[in-house]
């Protein structure tokens, strides 16, 4: 799932080398922490949060196939 999320984010941002994703597995959930360059934070969040919401929906769908829940945190 990290590869899937990384693929999406690297194609959105201007500085793909600054993308860092961490995954913390809990009991039945996976918590993903996404870090991007400060200049790209707006692109990742999108207008009114639409891009971030779309990434969360896709990530939740992939996680549901494995019987888990996914949470995406975007940090600066």
N, C-alpha and C. Protein backbone atom coordinates (compact mmCIF):
# COMPACT_ATOMS: atom_id res chain seq x y z
N UNK A 1 0.81 -1.19 0.00
CA UNK A 1 0.00 0.00 0.00
C UNK A 1 0.85 1.25 0.00
N UNK A 2 2.03 1.18 0.61
CA UNK A 2 2.91 2.35 0.61
C UNK A 2 3.32 2.68 -0.82
N UNK A 3 3.60 1.66 -1.61
CA UNK A 3 4.00 1.88 -2.99
C UNK A 3 2.88 2.54 -3.79
N UNK A 4 1.66 2.12 -3.54
CA UNK A 4 0.50 2.69 -4.22
C UNK A 4 0.35 4.17 -3.88
N UNK A 5 0.41 4.50 -2.60
CA UNK A 5 0.29 5.88 -2.16
C UNK A 5 1.45 6.72 -2.67
N UNK A 6 2.64 6.17 -2.63
CA UNK A 6 3.82 6.89 -3.10
C UNK A 6 3.73 7.17 -4.60
N UNK A 7 3.23 6.23 -5.37
CA UNK A 7 3.06 6.42 -6.80
C UNK A 7 2.12 7.60 -7.09
N UNK A 8 1.02 7.66 -6.37
CA UNK A 8 0.05 8.74 -6.57
C UNK A 8 0.65 10.08 -6.21
N UNK A 9 1.27 10.16 -5.04
CA UNK A 9 1.78 11.44 -4.55
C UNK A 9 2.93 11.94 -5.41
N UNK A 10 3.83 11.05 -5.81
CA UNK A 10 4.98 11.48 -6.63
C UNK A 10 4.56 12.06 -7.98
N UNK A 11 3.40 11.67 -8.48
CA UNK A 11 2.93 12.22 -9.74
C UNK A 11 2.16 13.53 -9.56
N UNK A 12 1.84 13.88 -8.34
CA UNK A 12 1.13 15.13 -8.07
C UNK A 12 2.09 16.27 -7.80
N UNK A 13 3.15 16.01 -7.04
CA UNK A 13 4.03 17.07 -6.56
C UNK A 13 5.09 17.46 -7.58
N UNK A 14 5.71 18.64 -7.33
CA UNK A 14 6.80 19.11 -8.18
C UNK A 14 8.15 18.55 -7.76
N UNK A 15 8.29 18.24 -6.47
CA UNK A 15 9.55 17.69 -5.95
C UNK A 15 9.30 16.28 -5.41
N UNK A 16 9.28 15.27 -6.28
CA UNK A 16 8.99 13.91 -5.83
C UNK A 16 10.06 13.31 -4.92
N UNK A 17 11.27 13.86 -4.98
CA UNK A 17 12.33 13.33 -4.11
C UNK A 17 12.11 13.69 -2.65
N UNK A 18 11.25 14.66 -2.37
CA UNK A 18 10.98 15.08 -0.99
C UNK A 18 9.82 14.32 -0.35
N UNK A 19 9.22 13.38 -1.08
CA UNK A 19 8.09 12.62 -0.55
C UNK A 19 8.59 11.54 0.40
N UNK A 20 8.01 11.51 1.60
CA UNK A 20 8.35 10.48 2.59
C UNK A 20 7.05 9.95 3.20
N UNK A 21 6.92 8.64 3.21
CA UNK A 21 5.71 8.00 3.74
C UNK A 21 6.12 6.97 4.80
N UNK A 22 5.50 7.07 5.95
CA UNK A 22 5.71 6.10 7.03
C UNK A 22 4.40 5.38 7.29
N UNK A 23 4.49 4.12 7.68
CA UNK A 23 3.30 3.34 7.99
C UNK A 23 3.45 2.76 9.40
N UNK A 24 2.45 3.01 10.22
CA UNK A 24 2.43 2.48 11.58
C UNK A 24 1.25 1.51 11.68
N UNK A 25 1.53 0.22 11.73
CA UNK A 25 0.42 -0.75 11.85
C UNK A 25 -0.08 -0.82 13.29
N UNK A 26 -1.37 -0.77 13.44
CA UNK A 26 -2.03 -0.96 14.73
C UNK A 26 -2.81 -2.27 14.63
N UNK A 27 -3.73 -2.52 15.50
CA UNK A 27 -4.46 -3.79 15.53
C UNK A 27 -5.13 -4.09 14.19
N UNK A 28 -6.11 -3.29 13.82
CA UNK A 28 -6.82 -3.52 12.57
C UNK A 28 -6.72 -2.33 11.63
N UNK A 29 -5.79 -1.40 11.94
CA UNK A 29 -5.65 -0.21 11.10
C UNK A 29 -4.19 0.01 10.72
N UNK A 30 -4.05 0.77 9.67
CA UNK A 30 -2.74 1.21 9.22
C UNK A 30 -2.77 2.74 9.19
N UNK A 31 -1.83 3.36 9.88
CA UNK A 31 -1.76 4.81 9.91
C UNK A 31 -0.59 5.24 9.03
N UNK A 32 -0.91 5.95 7.95
CA UNK A 32 0.10 6.43 7.02
C UNK A 32 0.37 7.90 7.31
N UNK A 33 1.64 8.26 7.41
CA UNK A 33 2.05 9.64 7.60
C UNK A 33 2.76 10.09 6.34
N UNK A 34 2.25 11.13 5.71
CA UNK A 34 2.78 11.63 4.45
C UNK A 34 3.46 12.96 4.68
N UNK A 35 4.72 13.06 4.26
CA UNK A 35 5.48 14.30 4.36
C UNK A 35 5.93 14.70 2.97
N UNK A 36 5.67 15.94 2.61
CA UNK A 36 6.09 16.48 1.32
C UNK A 36 6.76 17.83 1.55
N UNK A 37 7.36 18.37 0.51
CA UNK A 37 7.98 19.69 0.58
C UNK A 37 6.91 20.74 0.87
N UNK A 38 7.31 21.81 1.56
CA UNK A 38 6.34 22.85 1.93
C UNK A 38 5.65 23.45 0.71
N UNK A 39 6.37 23.57 -0.39
CA UNK A 39 5.80 24.15 -1.60
C UNK A 39 4.75 23.25 -2.23
N UNK A 40 4.78 21.96 -1.94
CA UNK A 40 3.86 21.00 -2.54
C UNK A 40 2.68 20.64 -1.65
N UNK A 41 2.63 21.17 -0.45
CA UNK A 41 1.57 20.79 0.48
C UNK A 41 0.19 21.16 -0.06
N UNK A 42 0.10 22.28 -0.74
CA UNK A 42 -1.18 22.71 -1.31
C UNK A 42 -1.65 21.79 -2.42
N UNK A 43 -0.72 21.26 -3.19
CA UNK A 43 -1.08 20.34 -4.27
C UNK A 43 -1.59 19.02 -3.72
N UNK A 44 -1.00 18.57 -2.62
CA UNK A 44 -1.41 17.31 -2.03
C UNK A 44 -2.78 17.43 -1.37
N UNK A 45 -3.03 18.57 -0.74
CA UNK A 45 -4.33 18.77 -0.10
C UNK A 45 -5.40 19.09 -1.13
N UNK A 46 -5.08 19.94 -2.09
CA UNK A 46 -6.03 20.28 -3.16
C UNK A 46 -7.04 21.33 -2.72
N UNK A 47 -7.82 21.78 -3.66
CA UNK A 47 -8.82 22.79 -3.38
C UNK A 47 -9.92 22.19 -2.51
N UNK A 48 -10.15 22.84 -1.38
CA UNK A 48 -11.14 22.39 -0.39
C UNK A 48 -10.87 20.95 0.09
N UNK A 49 -9.63 20.49 -0.02
CA UNK A 49 -9.27 19.16 0.47
C UNK A 49 -9.69 18.01 -0.43
N UNK A 50 -10.03 18.31 -1.66
CA UNK A 50 -10.55 17.26 -2.55
C UNK A 50 -9.50 16.22 -2.92
N UNK A 51 -8.26 16.66 -3.17
CA UNK A 51 -7.22 15.71 -3.53
C UNK A 51 -6.89 14.80 -2.36
N UNK A 52 -6.79 15.38 -1.17
CA UNK A 52 -6.52 14.57 0.02
C UNK A 52 -7.66 13.59 0.28
N UNK A 53 -8.88 14.03 0.11
CA UNK A 53 -10.03 13.15 0.29
C UNK A 53 -10.01 12.00 -0.71
N UNK A 54 -9.67 12.30 -1.96
CA UNK A 54 -9.61 11.26 -2.99
C UNK A 54 -8.52 10.23 -2.65
N UNK A 55 -7.37 10.70 -2.17
CA UNK A 55 -6.31 9.76 -1.79
C UNK A 55 -6.75 8.91 -0.60
N UNK A 56 -7.47 9.50 0.33
CA UNK A 56 -7.95 8.73 1.49
C UNK A 56 -8.97 7.68 1.08
N UNK A 57 -9.83 8.02 0.12
CA UNK A 57 -10.83 7.06 -0.36
C UNK A 57 -10.14 5.89 -1.07
N UNK A 58 -9.18 6.19 -1.93
CA UNK A 58 -8.46 5.13 -2.64
C UNK A 58 -7.69 4.24 -1.66
N UNK A 59 -7.04 4.87 -0.69
CA UNK A 59 -6.28 4.11 0.29
C UNK A 59 -7.20 3.23 1.14
N UNK A 60 -8.35 3.75 1.49
CA UNK A 60 -9.32 2.96 2.27
C UNK A 60 -9.82 1.77 1.46
N UNK A 61 -10.01 1.96 0.16
CA UNK A 61 -10.48 0.86 -0.69
C UNK A 61 -9.43 -0.25 -0.79
N UNK A 62 -8.18 0.14 -0.93
CA UNK A 62 -7.10 -0.86 -1.01
C UNK A 62 -6.96 -1.58 0.33
N UNK A 63 -7.06 -0.85 1.42
CA UNK A 63 -6.93 -1.47 2.74
C UNK A 63 -8.11 -2.39 3.04
N UNK A 64 -9.29 -2.05 2.57
CA UNK A 64 -10.48 -2.87 2.81
C UNK A 64 -10.33 -4.24 2.16
N UNK A 65 -9.62 -4.30 1.05
CA UNK A 65 -9.40 -5.59 0.39
C UNK A 65 -8.59 -6.53 1.28
N UNK A 66 -7.78 -5.96 2.18
CA UNK A 66 -6.98 -6.76 3.11
C UNK A 66 -7.64 -6.89 4.48
N UNK A 67 -8.85 -6.33 4.60
CA UNK A 67 -9.57 -6.43 5.86
C UNK A 67 -9.08 -5.46 6.92
N UNK A 68 -8.50 -4.35 6.50
CA UNK A 68 -7.98 -3.37 7.44
C UNK A 68 -8.55 -1.99 7.14
N UNK A 69 -8.32 -1.05 8.04
CA UNK A 69 -8.70 0.34 7.83
C UNK A 69 -7.44 1.16 7.67
N UNK A 70 -7.49 2.18 6.83
CA UNK A 70 -6.33 3.02 6.59
C UNK A 70 -6.64 4.46 6.96
N UNK A 71 -5.67 5.09 7.59
CA UNK A 71 -5.79 6.49 7.98
C UNK A 71 -4.60 7.22 7.36
N UNK A 72 -4.86 8.35 6.71
CA UNK A 72 -3.79 9.13 6.07
C UNK A 72 -3.66 10.46 6.79
N UNK A 73 -2.48 10.71 7.34
CA UNK A 73 -2.16 11.98 7.97
C UNK A 73 -1.15 12.71 7.09
N UNK A 74 -1.45 13.95 6.76
CA UNK A 74 -0.54 14.78 5.96
C UNK A 74 0.09 15.79 6.90
N UNK A 75 1.42 15.75 7.01
CA UNK A 75 2.14 16.65 7.91
C UNK A 75 3.10 17.52 7.12
N UNK A 76 3.46 18.64 7.72
CA UNK A 76 4.42 19.54 7.07
C UNK A 76 5.83 19.17 7.42
